[in-house]
Protein backbone atom coordinates (compact mmCIF):
# COMPACT_ATOMS: atom_id res chain seq x y z
CA MET A 1 77.93 128.78 73.76
CA SER A 2 76.59 131.67 75.96
CA SER A 3 79.24 134.10 77.18
CA GLY A 4 78.62 133.41 80.91
CA LEU A 5 79.32 129.59 80.53
CA VAL A 6 82.70 127.85 80.40
CA TYR A 7 84.25 124.47 80.39
CA GLY A 8 86.39 124.03 83.59
CA PRO A 9 88.97 121.31 83.43
CA PRO A 10 90.17 119.81 86.81
CA SER A 11 93.63 120.84 87.91
CA LEU A 12 95.89 119.83 90.81
CA THR A 13 96.08 123.40 92.00
CA ASN A 14 92.39 123.86 92.16
CA PHE A 15 92.08 120.50 93.88
CA GLN A 16 94.48 121.58 96.49
CA ALA A 17 92.49 124.92 97.03
CA PHE A 18 89.24 122.80 97.30
CA VAL A 19 90.81 120.62 99.94
CA GLN A 20 92.09 123.55 101.99
CA ASN A 21 89.19 125.98 101.63
CA VAL A 22 86.17 123.73 101.30
CA VAL A 23 87.24 120.55 103.17
CA GLY A 24 89.19 122.53 105.68
CA ILE A 25 92.34 120.49 105.72
CA SER A 26 95.15 122.91 106.37
CA ALA A 27 98.79 122.66 105.26
CA ALA A 28 99.56 121.77 108.92
CA TYR A 29 97.91 118.38 108.34
CA LEU A 30 98.65 117.92 104.59
CA PRO A 31 101.43 120.17 103.28
CA LEU A 32 100.87 121.37 99.72
CA SER A 33 104.16 119.55 98.77
CA SER A 34 102.73 116.18 99.89
CA PRO A 35 102.70 113.68 97.03
CA GLN A 36 99.33 112.38 98.43
CA TYR A 37 97.54 115.32 96.70
CA GLN A 38 98.78 114.11 93.27
CA HIS A 39 97.91 110.51 94.07
CA ALA A 40 94.35 111.25 95.11
CA PHE A 41 93.90 113.75 92.25
CA ASP A 42 95.26 111.24 89.67
CA GLN A 43 93.01 108.45 91.04
CA ALA A 44 89.89 110.65 90.97
CA MET A 45 90.62 111.66 87.30
CA ASN A 46 90.90 107.99 86.49
CA ILE A 47 87.49 107.17 87.95
CA VAL A 48 85.31 110.13 87.04
CA ASN A 49 83.51 109.94 83.75
CA ALA A 50 85.45 112.43 81.46
CA ASP A 51 82.15 113.00 79.61
CA ILE A 52 80.98 115.05 82.55
CA GLY A 53 83.42 117.68 81.24
CA SER A 54 80.89 118.44 78.51
CA VAL A 55 78.45 119.83 80.99
CA LEU A 56 78.39 123.64 80.97
CA SER A 57 79.13 125.57 84.10
CA VAL A 58 79.22 129.24 85.17
CA SER A 59 82.55 130.82 84.99
CA THR A 60 82.54 131.99 88.65
CA SER A 61 82.12 128.47 90.17
CA PHE A 62 83.77 124.95 89.98
CA SER A 63 82.67 123.08 86.83
CA VAL A 64 80.59 119.98 87.29
CA ILE A 65 83.55 117.73 86.42
CA GLU A 66 85.74 119.66 88.92
CA LEU A 67 83.13 119.19 91.63
CA ALA A 68 83.01 115.45 90.85
CA THR A 69 86.81 115.02 90.77
CA TYR A 70 87.52 117.15 93.82
CA ASN A 71 84.86 115.61 96.01
CA LEU A 72 86.04 112.08 95.02
CA GLY A 73 89.64 113.12 95.63
CA ALA A 74 88.85 114.50 98.94
CA HIS A 75 87.11 111.24 99.99
CA LEU A 76 90.13 109.30 98.89
CA LEU A 77 92.47 111.60 100.98
CA ILE A 78 90.26 111.07 104.09
CA GLU A 79 90.31 107.32 103.38
CA PHE A 80 94.02 106.78 102.63
CA ALA A 81 96.22 109.81 103.41
CA GLN A 82 99.11 109.43 105.91
CA ASP A 83 99.46 111.86 108.74
CA VAL A 84 102.52 114.10 109.06
CA SER A 85 105.19 112.82 111.50
CA TRP A 86 108.32 114.10 113.17
CA SER A 87 111.15 112.45 114.94
CA ILE A 88 111.29 112.98 118.66
CA PHE A 89 114.51 114.25 120.11
CA ALA A 90 113.54 114.41 123.82
CA ALA A 91 110.60 113.95 126.27
CA SER A 92 110.06 115.06 129.85
CA TRP A 93 107.41 115.40 132.44
CA SER A 94 106.62 118.16 135.00
CA VAL A 95 103.48 119.11 136.94
CA GLY A 96 101.02 117.04 134.95
CA LEU A 97 102.37 117.83 131.47
CA ALA A 98 104.50 115.92 129.14
CA THR A 99 106.87 117.98 126.87
CA ILE A 100 107.98 116.72 123.56
CA THR A 101 110.91 118.12 121.71
CA THR A 102 111.14 117.12 117.90
CA SER A 103 114.28 116.91 116.01
CA VAL A 104 113.16 119.60 113.54
CA ALA A 105 110.39 122.18 113.51
CA ASN A 106 106.89 120.92 113.55
CA THR A 107 103.43 122.24 112.69
CA VAL A 108 101.64 120.92 115.92
CA GLN A 109 98.95 123.30 117.01
CA VAL A 110 97.05 123.75 120.34
CA GLY A 111 94.10 121.41 120.36
CA ASP A 112 95.56 118.92 117.94
CA MET A 113 95.21 115.18 118.59
CA ILE A 114 98.51 113.58 118.38
CA GLY A 115 100.12 110.05 118.53
CA ILE A 116 103.42 109.30 120.43
CA SER A 117 105.40 106.19 119.70
CA GLY A 118 108.78 104.95 120.62
CA VAL A 119 108.88 106.67 124.09
CA SER A 120 109.01 104.64 127.28
CA PRO A 121 107.68 104.24 129.89
CA TYR A 122 104.57 103.13 128.05
CA ALA A 123 102.52 106.00 129.65
CA TYR A 124 104.05 108.45 127.11
CA ASP A 125 102.74 106.43 124.16
CA ASN A 126 99.28 106.02 122.58
CA ALA A 127 97.91 102.55 123.22
CA PRO A 128 98.10 100.56 119.88
CA GLY A 129 94.83 100.32 117.97
CA GLU A 130 93.18 102.93 120.07
CA PRO A 131 91.99 106.44 118.89
CA PRO A 132 94.25 109.48 119.73
CA ALA A 133 94.70 109.64 123.45
CA PHE A 134 96.57 113.00 123.67
CA VAL A 135 95.54 116.61 122.96
CA VAL A 136 98.23 119.36 122.64
CA ASN A 137 97.82 121.66 125.66
CA SER A 138 100.29 124.36 124.55
CA VAL A 139 102.98 125.05 121.91
CA ILE A 140 106.23 126.44 123.45
CA ASP A 141 108.09 127.05 120.24
CA SER A 142 108.51 125.38 116.81
CA GLN A 143 109.98 122.17 118.27
CA ASN A 144 108.45 121.93 121.72
CA PHE A 145 104.90 121.41 122.87
CA ASN A 146 103.21 119.57 125.76
CA TYR A 147 100.17 117.64 126.59
CA PRO A 148 98.43 116.65 129.86
CA LEU A 149 99.68 113.34 131.35
CA SER A 150 99.23 112.09 134.86
CA PRO A 151 100.65 110.60 137.07
CA ASN A 152 104.43 111.13 136.63
CA PRO A 153 105.47 108.32 134.16
CA GLY A 154 109.12 108.59 135.16
CA ALA A 155 112.19 109.52 132.99
CA ALA A 156 111.66 109.13 129.30
CA ILE A 157 113.66 106.83 127.17
CA ILE A 158 113.62 107.68 123.45
CA ALA A 159 113.98 104.97 120.91
CA ALA A 160 115.73 105.48 117.66
CA ASN A 161 112.39 105.46 115.69
CA ALA A 162 110.43 107.52 118.10
CA LEU A 163 107.81 109.72 116.41
CA VAL A 164 105.10 112.22 117.11
CA SER A 165 102.39 112.11 114.48
CA GLU A 166 99.35 114.34 113.72
CA MET A 167 96.33 112.18 114.09
CA TYR A 168 93.86 114.16 111.75
CA PHE A 169 93.44 111.42 109.18
CA VAL A 170 93.74 108.46 111.60
CA ASN A 171 91.08 110.06 113.85
CA ALA A 172 88.78 110.84 110.81
CA ARG A 173 88.98 107.20 109.73
CA TRP A 174 88.43 106.00 113.28
CA ARG A 175 85.30 108.22 113.71
CA LEU A 176 83.95 106.97 110.28
CA GLN A 177 84.58 103.40 111.31
CA MET A 178 82.61 103.99 114.58
CA ALA A 179 79.79 105.63 112.67
CA ALA A 180 79.98 103.44 109.58
CA PHE A 181 77.09 102.87 107.46
CA SER A 182 75.87 99.25 107.79
CA PRO A 183 72.96 98.31 105.52
CA GLY A 184 72.37 94.98 107.23
CA VAL A 185 69.42 92.87 106.37
CA VAL A 186 65.64 93.11 106.68
CA THR A 187 64.91 92.29 110.21
CA SER A 188 62.28 92.76 112.84
CA ALA A 189 62.03 92.21 116.63
CA GLY A 190 59.53 92.72 119.19
CA ASP A 191 58.16 91.79 122.59
CA LEU A 192 54.95 92.59 124.52
CA SER A 193 55.54 96.36 124.73
CA THR A 194 58.18 97.25 122.24
CA SER A 195 59.26 96.61 118.65
CA ALA A 196 61.92 97.62 116.19
CA GLY A 197 62.76 96.90 112.56
CA LEU A 198 65.25 97.57 109.86
CA LEU A 199 64.12 97.85 106.23
CA ASN A 200 66.68 98.68 103.60
CA PRO A 201 65.57 100.83 100.68
CA GLU A 202 65.41 98.77 97.41
CA PHE A 203 68.00 100.79 95.61
CA MET A 204 70.47 99.66 98.09
CA SER A 205 70.43 96.17 96.72
CA GLY A 206 72.24 97.49 93.69
CA LEU A 207 75.04 99.40 95.38
CA THR A 208 78.60 98.10 95.12
CA LEU A 209 81.02 97.86 98.00
CA GLU A 210 82.54 100.98 96.48
CA ASP A 211 79.37 102.80 96.56
CA LEU A 212 78.71 101.80 100.22
CA ASN A 213 82.22 103.00 101.14
CA LEU A 214 81.65 106.37 99.37
CA LEU A 215 78.56 106.88 101.60
CA LYS A 216 80.81 107.21 104.57
CA THR A 217 81.90 110.76 103.90
CA SER A 218 80.03 113.79 102.74
CA TYR A 219 82.52 114.24 99.76
CA GLY A 220 81.91 110.65 98.66
CA ARG A 221 78.26 111.22 98.83
CA ALA A 222 78.64 114.52 96.73
CA TYR A 223 80.55 112.62 94.05
CA LEU A 224 77.98 109.87 94.04
CA SER A 225 75.15 112.39 93.55
CA ILE A 226 76.89 113.83 90.52
CA ALA A 227 77.86 110.37 89.07
CA GLN A 228 74.25 109.17 89.56
CA LYS A 229 72.74 112.39 87.98
CA TYR A 230 74.86 112.09 84.79
CA GLY A 231 75.24 108.29 84.63
CA PRO A 232 77.66 106.31 82.54
CA THR A 233 76.98 108.56 79.52
CA ILE A 234 75.78 112.15 79.14
CA TRP A 235 72.40 112.01 77.75
CA GLY A 236 71.50 114.78 75.08
CA LEU A 237 75.20 115.52 74.46
CA SER A 238 77.62 114.04 71.84
């Protein structure tokens, strides 16, 4: 084997670095201590063809099997990861801003999309089934932040299960759903002055539901490109 080539086995630590530095999901949205890293990594390791580990890679970059594993793991995180939540201790309103106090320190940042539940009147809450309605306006300290809310909703009543949740993954999935890839069927339509048609490429007839789902994220597509390139077996290697 040439001196500049190495085998790079996937590792949980490198997967976490990939998620933070390549995908851009910071510890504020997915702490390194979260078991969801391990779950996504293990699932990706179970799916990726282990024979891809035989493909040589340069020592200064991720190996091919690392890229396959980490991209698939990132896709799984976006698809299934739960957002970070904190219990709400108090809520108030003043001059167009709602202020939330969490029971412990939080990692909410200015510009974050958040979900509020268990606070009444209902105006403080996100509407069920809708995308994030609130964006953090300012962070006062480690337990207090506010977001725009108008008009005055009245005095807040905090339920025992009241939560503030980051909406990073929920919003990502909502956006993917809104822009979901829909292969449809071969159709055409027209009138006297306009026409439109939809023609699916032939290769799409062989895609599984899992393949179609992987097409929703750039990381799923990156994994598919590696899986398709090397196939179920690694040709020329034994």
